[in-house]
């Protein structure tokens, strides 16, 4: 059984799967983690599953930021991948959830991305 994300909405647990390179499924999902595809993580629609690339060398704050961002897609019920407006909305909600839980350094990573010119256009 997979762990549940702490950012799961009430009554709707989101399974969290940090896919390690040693995992037998890593090669299957690795293409989805490319910059042209989903980046470091993605929300699997209809399965309440968050997948994060455990081989990307992310530190604890980066992992938490990705987890909160992907959980935000689930909470906001986004159904499209790589929609710029959805990405912005997910970042904004993730910042709020991270700050509410005391993950200020992780929130700052997303704030920096939100404040970067042309990053979300």
Protein backbone atom coordinates (compact mmCIF):
# COMPACT_ATOMS: atom_id res chain seq x y z
CA UNK A 1 0.00 0.00 0.00
CA UNK A 2 1.27 3.44 -0.94
CA UNK A 3 1.54 6.28 1.59
CA UNK A 4 -1.04 9.04 1.47
CA UNK A 5 -0.07 12.62 0.69
CA UNK A 6 -0.49 14.96 3.62
CA UNK A 7 -2.04 17.41 1.17
CA UNK A 8 -4.96 15.09 0.44
CA UNK A 9 -8.35 16.78 0.66
CA UNK A 10 -10.64 15.63 3.45
CA UNK A 11 -12.28 12.33 2.63
CA UNK A 12 -10.24 11.81 -0.53
CA UNK A 13 -6.82 10.28 0.11
CA UNK A 14 -4.22 10.83 -2.59
CA UNK A 15 -1.70 8.01 -2.89
CA UNK A 16 1.89 9.23 -3.13
CA UNK A 17 4.37 7.20 -5.17
CA UNK A 18 7.92 8.53 -5.31
CA UNK A 19 9.31 6.33 -8.06
CA UNK A 20 12.91 5.37 -7.28
CA UNK A 21 15.31 4.39 -10.09
CA UNK A 22 15.68 0.97 -8.44
CA UNK A 23 11.93 0.41 -8.77
CA UNK A 24 10.90 -1.99 -11.53
CA UNK A 25 8.41 0.60 -12.84
CA UNK A 26 10.91 3.47 -13.08
CA UNK A 27 11.83 2.90 -16.74
CA UNK A 28 8.14 2.77 -17.66
CA UNK A 29 7.37 6.18 -16.18
CA UNK A 30 10.71 7.90 -16.80
CA UNK A 31 9.64 9.33 -20.21
CA UNK A 32 6.73 11.06 -18.48
CA UNK A 33 9.14 12.92 -16.19
CA UNK A 34 10.88 14.73 -19.07
CA UNK A 35 10.65 18.51 -19.23
CA UNK A 36 8.56 18.21 -22.38
CA UNK A 37 6.08 15.91 -20.66
CA UNK A 38 5.17 16.31 -16.98
CA UNK A 39 8.37 17.47 -15.29
CA UNK A 40 9.24 16.07 -11.85
CA UNK A 41 5.77 14.78 -11.07
CA UNK A 42 2.20 14.45 -12.14
CA UNK A 43 -1.29 13.69 -10.90
CA UNK A 44 -2.91 10.60 -12.43
CA UNK A 45 -6.51 11.61 -13.16
CA UNK A 46 -9.17 9.21 -12.01
CA UNK A 47 -6.81 7.26 -9.77
CA UNK A 48 -6.05 9.80 -7.01
CA UNK A 49 -2.36 9.07 -7.47
CA UNK A 50 0.59 11.44 -7.35
CA UNK A 51 3.76 10.24 -9.07
CA UNK A 52 7.08 11.95 -8.36
CA UNK A 53 10.46 11.25 -9.96
CA UNK A 54 12.63 9.86 -7.17
CA UNK A 55 15.62 9.79 -9.48
CA UNK A 56 15.70 13.51 -10.24
CA UNK A 57 17.97 14.32 -7.30
CA UNK A 58 15.40 16.54 -5.60
CA UNK A 59 16.01 17.57 -2.00
CA UNK A 60 13.33 17.35 0.69
CA UNK A 61 11.98 20.86 0.02
CA UNK A 62 11.79 20.27 -3.71
CA UNK A 63 10.00 16.94 -3.20
CA UNK A 64 7.49 18.59 -0.86
CA UNK A 65 6.90 21.42 -3.36
CA UNK A 66 6.25 18.93 -6.17
CA UNK A 67 3.93 16.89 -3.93
CA UNK A 68 1.89 19.97 -2.95
CA UNK A 69 1.75 21.20 -6.56
CA UNK A 70 0.49 17.86 -7.87
CA UNK A 71 -1.99 17.49 -4.99
CA UNK A 72 -3.28 20.94 -5.95
CA UNK A 73 -4.16 19.65 -9.41
CA UNK A 74 -6.24 16.93 -7.76
CA UNK A 75 -7.92 19.32 -5.33
CA UNK A 76 -8.72 21.78 -8.12
CA UNK A 77 -9.94 18.88 -10.27
CA UNK A 78 -7.74 19.82 -13.20
CA UNK A 79 -8.19 17.44 -16.10
CA UNK A 80 -5.67 18.80 -18.63
CA UNK A 81 -1.93 18.35 -18.54
CA UNK A 82 0.41 21.28 -19.22
CA UNK A 83 -2.32 23.92 -19.24
CA UNK A 84 -0.53 27.18 -18.27
CA UNK A 85 -3.52 28.50 -16.29
CA UNK A 86 -3.84 25.21 -14.38
CA UNK A 87 -0.11 25.24 -13.60
CA UNK A 88 -0.40 28.76 -12.18
CA UNK A 89 -3.46 27.82 -10.09
CA UNK A 90 -1.71 24.69 -8.79
CA UNK A 91 1.38 26.68 -7.79
CA UNK A 92 -0.72 29.28 -5.97
CA UNK A 93 -2.69 26.68 -3.99
CA UNK A 94 0.48 24.69 -3.28
CA UNK A 95 2.17 27.77 -1.80
CA UNK A 96 -0.80 28.30 0.53
CA UNK A 97 -0.87 24.63 1.63
CA UNK A 98 2.90 24.53 2.18
CA UNK A 99 2.86 27.72 4.24
CA UNK A 100 -0.13 26.49 6.27
CA UNK A 101 1.88 23.38 7.21
CA UNK A 102 5.14 25.21 7.96
CA UNK A 103 7.04 24.20 4.81
CA UNK A 104 8.22 27.75 4.18
CA UNK A 105 11.38 26.80 2.27
CA UNK A 106 9.38 24.57 -0.07
CA UNK A 107 6.80 27.35 -0.52
CA UNK A 108 9.58 29.80 -1.35
CA UNK A 109 10.66 27.57 -4.25
CA UNK A 110 7.21 27.93 -5.80
CA UNK A 111 7.00 31.64 -4.98
CA UNK A 112 10.28 32.13 -6.85
CA UNK A 113 8.80 30.31 -9.84
CA UNK A 114 5.62 32.41 -9.68
CA UNK A 115 7.64 35.62 -9.58
CA UNK A 116 9.96 34.62 -12.44
CA UNK A 117 9.09 36.56 -15.60
CA UNK A 118 7.47 34.57 -18.42
CA UNK A 119 7.73 31.25 -16.56
CA UNK A 120 3.98 30.72 -16.38
CA UNK A 121 2.88 32.33 -19.65
